[in-house]
């Protein structure tokens, strides 16, 4: 982007941060979360799911004097973007900028979304009276199980599921 717009890297970073803060925000009402869960149930047959979470390493140049702080296990320097998406892959929440050495669990454990969910600040609906299934996020097995976060193993990596 820096080359395309002829703008300094540090300015691009500020622009991206400000834009994502304005465009990406979680729904803060129970009805909005139920709409998100409805998309997951209709499209993916995952009832009570209010988001899918995963991380992506974004390639960067090695920051000066950073040592191996941003050097990830894949073999390049990166920052990590941790994102929560709805059933149509639209971003609901993003945490970008953690250094590349951080794991999913490390980044998740210090992020504001986890804190807000645990402190019940997002308006996520309670389990219905007819079913005790709470609303939850689906992620891969890099995230620790919680009442609001479950892991889903794709069929390709689970022999018993792929035989079915």
Protein backbone atom coordinates (compact mmCIF):
# COMPACT_ATOMS: atom_id res chain seq x y z
CA UNK A 1 0.00 0.00 0.00
CA UNK A 2 2.88 2.31 0.77
CA UNK A 3 4.18 2.06 -2.80
CA UNK A 4 0.72 2.32 -4.40
CA UNK A 5 -0.30 5.41 -2.45
CA UNK A 6 3.19 6.95 -2.12
CA UNK A 7 2.70 7.26 1.63
CA UNK A 8 5.15 6.32 4.39
CA UNK A 9 4.78 2.91 6.09
CA UNK A 10 4.09 4.42 9.50
CA UNK A 11 1.26 6.52 8.02
CA UNK A 12 -0.26 3.43 6.37
CA UNK A 13 -0.19 1.67 9.74
CA UNK A 14 -2.11 4.52 11.37
CA UNK A 15 -4.65 4.64 8.53
CA UNK A 16 -5.28 0.89 8.64
CA UNK A 17 -5.71 0.98 12.42
CA UNK A 18 -8.16 3.91 12.32
CA UNK A 19 -10.21 2.39 9.49
CA UNK A 20 -10.48 -1.01 11.14
CA UNK A 21 -11.50 0.61 14.44
CA UNK A 22 -14.31 2.43 12.62
CA UNK A 23 -15.49 -0.45 10.42
CA UNK A 24 -15.09 -3.52 12.60
CA UNK A 25 -16.99 -3.71 15.83
CA UNK A 26 -18.97 -6.47 17.49
CA UNK A 27 -22.76 -6.26 17.74
CA UNK A 28 -23.65 -5.16 21.25
CA UNK A 29 -27.24 -6.34 21.52
CA UNK A 30 -28.70 -9.76 22.10
CA UNK A 31 -30.83 -9.51 18.95
CA UNK A 32 -27.81 -8.69 16.76
CA UNK A 33 -25.88 -11.66 18.17
CA UNK A 34 -28.88 -13.89 17.47
CA UNK A 35 -28.81 -12.69 13.84
CA UNK A 36 -25.16 -13.72 13.62
CA UNK A 37 -25.98 -17.09 15.19
CA UNK A 38 -28.83 -17.50 12.71
CA UNK A 39 -26.38 -17.17 9.80
CA UNK A 40 -24.20 -19.91 11.26
CA UNK A 41 -27.17 -22.21 11.80
CA UNK A 42 -28.62 -21.61 8.32
CA UNK A 43 -25.39 -21.69 6.33
CA UNK A 44 -23.16 -24.04 8.35
CA UNK A 45 -25.61 -26.03 10.52
CA UNK A 46 -23.90 -24.76 13.68
CA UNK A 47 -26.65 -23.55 16.02
CA UNK A 48 -25.84 -21.04 18.78
CA UNK A 49 -22.55 -20.04 17.13
CA UNK A 50 -21.89 -16.30 17.32
CA UNK A 51 -18.53 -16.30 15.53
CA UNK A 52 -15.58 -18.23 14.15
CA UNK A 53 -12.10 -17.25 15.29
CA UNK A 54 -8.64 -17.83 13.85
CA UNK A 55 -5.35 -16.09 13.25
CA UNK A 56 -3.33 -15.13 10.19
CA UNK A 57 0.36 -14.26 10.02
CA UNK A 58 0.95 -11.09 7.99
CA UNK A 59 4.41 -10.90 6.42
CA UNK A 60 6.50 -7.89 7.49
CA UNK A 61 10.08 -6.67 7.18
CA UNK A 62 12.13 -7.36 10.28
CA UNK A 63 11.72 -4.38 12.61
CA UNK A 64 15.03 -2.77 13.62
CA UNK A 65 16.48 -4.11 16.87
CA UNK A 66 13.62 -6.61 17.32
CA UNK A 67 15.79 -9.71 17.31
CA UNK A 68 13.62 -12.79 16.87
CA UNK A 69 10.52 -11.24 18.46
CA UNK A 70 8.58 -11.13 15.19
CA UNK A 71 10.13 -14.28 13.64
CA UNK A 72 7.43 -16.95 13.55
CA UNK A 73 7.56 -20.77 13.51
CA UNK A 74 6.77 -20.78 9.76
CA UNK A 75 10.09 -19.09 9.01
CA UNK A 76 9.40 -15.40 8.32
CA UNK A 77 8.83 -12.15 10.20
CA UNK A 78 5.19 -11.38 10.85
CA UNK A 79 2.53 -9.71 12.91
CA UNK A 80 -0.52 -11.72 13.81
CA UNK A 81 -4.10 -10.81 13.01
CA UNK A 82 -6.63 -12.59 15.22
CA UNK A 83 -10.15 -12.23 13.82
CA UNK A 84 -13.73 -13.17 14.65
CA UNK A 85 -16.02 -13.54 11.64
CA UNK A 86 -19.72 -14.17 11.12
CA UNK A 87 -21.27 -16.97 9.04
CA UNK A 88 -20.66 -15.02 5.82
CA UNK A 89 -16.95 -14.40 6.61
CA UNK A 90 -17.56 -10.74 7.51
CA UNK A 91 -15.26 -9.41 10.22
CA UNK A 92 -16.91 -8.79 13.56
CA UNK A 93 -13.74 -8.15 15.56
CA UNK A 94 -10.01 -7.94 14.77
CA UNK A 95 -6.86 -7.80 16.88
CA UNK A 96 -3.88 -6.97 14.66
CA UNK A 97 -0.27 -6.31 15.52
CA UNK A 98 0.79 -9.01 17.96
CA UNK A 99 4.31 -10.20 17.27
CA UNK A 100 4.77 -13.30 15.12
CA UNK A 101 6.11 -15.48 17.92
CA UNK A 102 2.78 -15.40 19.77
CA UNK A 103 0.51 -18.44 19.58
CA UNK A 104 -3.26 -18.32 19.10
CA UNK A 105 -3.76 -19.06 22.79
CA UNK A 106 -1.28 -16.43 23.97
CA UNK A 107 -2.85 -13.72 21.83
CA UNK A 108 -6.39 -14.81 22.76
CA UNK A 109 -5.60 -14.79 26.49
CA UNK A 110 -4.55 -11.13 26.43
CA UNK A 111 -7.11 -9.77 23.94
CA UNK A 112 -9.95 -7.45 24.83
CA UNK A 113 -12.61 -9.65 23.19
CA UNK A 114 -11.96 -12.52 25.62
CA UNK A 115 -12.11 -10.11 28.54
CA UNK A 116 -15.35 -8.54 27.32
CA UNK A 117 -17.00 -11.94 26.84
CA UNK A 118 -15.90 -13.14 30.28
CA UNK A 119 -17.20 -9.94 31.87
CA UNK A 120 -20.48 -10.20 29.90
CA UNK A 121 -20.04 -6.76 28.31
CA UNK A 122 -21.09 -7.70 24.75
CA UNK A 123 -24.76 -8.51 25.19
CA UNK A 124 -24.34 -12.12 24.10
CA UNK A 125 -27.65 -13.89 24.74
CA UNK A 126 -28.05 -16.43 27.50
CA UNK A 127 -28.94 -20.04 26.72
CA UNK A 128 -32.66 -20.46 26.08
CA UNK A 129 -34.93 -21.92 28.74
CA UNK A 130 -35.82 -24.93 26.55
CA UNK A 131 -32.20 -25.77 25.79
CA UNK A 132 -29.15 -25.34 27.96
CA UNK A 133 -26.81 -24.82 25.00
CA UNK A 134 -24.92 -21.55 25.46
CA UNK A 135 -23.97 -19.30 22.55
CA UNK A 136 -20.35 -19.90 21.60
CA UNK A 137 -17.44 -19.15 19.26
CA UNK A 138 -15.97 -21.92 17.14
CA UNK A 139 -12.20 -22.07 16.67
CA UNK A 140 -9.49 -24.62 15.99
CA UNK A 141 -7.82 -26.77 18.62
CA UNK A 142 -5.24 -24.06 19.39
CA UNK A 143 -7.80 -22.38 21.65
CA UNK A 144 -8.60 -23.71 25.12
CA UNK A 145 -12.14 -24.93 25.62
CA UNK A 146 -14.48 -22.56 27.45
CA UNK A 147 -18.26 -22.44 27.75
CA UNK A 148 -18.16 -19.72 25.06
CA UNK A 149 -15.36 -21.22 22.90
CA UNK A 150 -15.29 -24.69 21.37
CA UNK A 151 -12.87 -26.22 18.91
CA UNK A 152 -13.85 -27.79 15.64
CA UNK A 153 -11.57 -30.27 13.89
CA UNK A 154 -11.97 -30.38 10.10
CA UNK A 155 -12.80 -33.80 8.61
CA UNK A 156 -9.46 -33.97 6.76
CA UNK A 157 -7.56 -34.03 10.07
CA UNK A 158 -9.87 -36.39 11.94
CA UNK A 159 -9.71 -39.97 10.59
CA UNK A 160 -12.97 -41.13 12.19
CA UNK A 161 -14.92 -38.24 10.63
CA UNK A 162 -13.36 -38.64 7.19
CA UNK A 163 -14.39 -42.32 7.08
CA UNK A 164 -18.07 -41.37 7.41
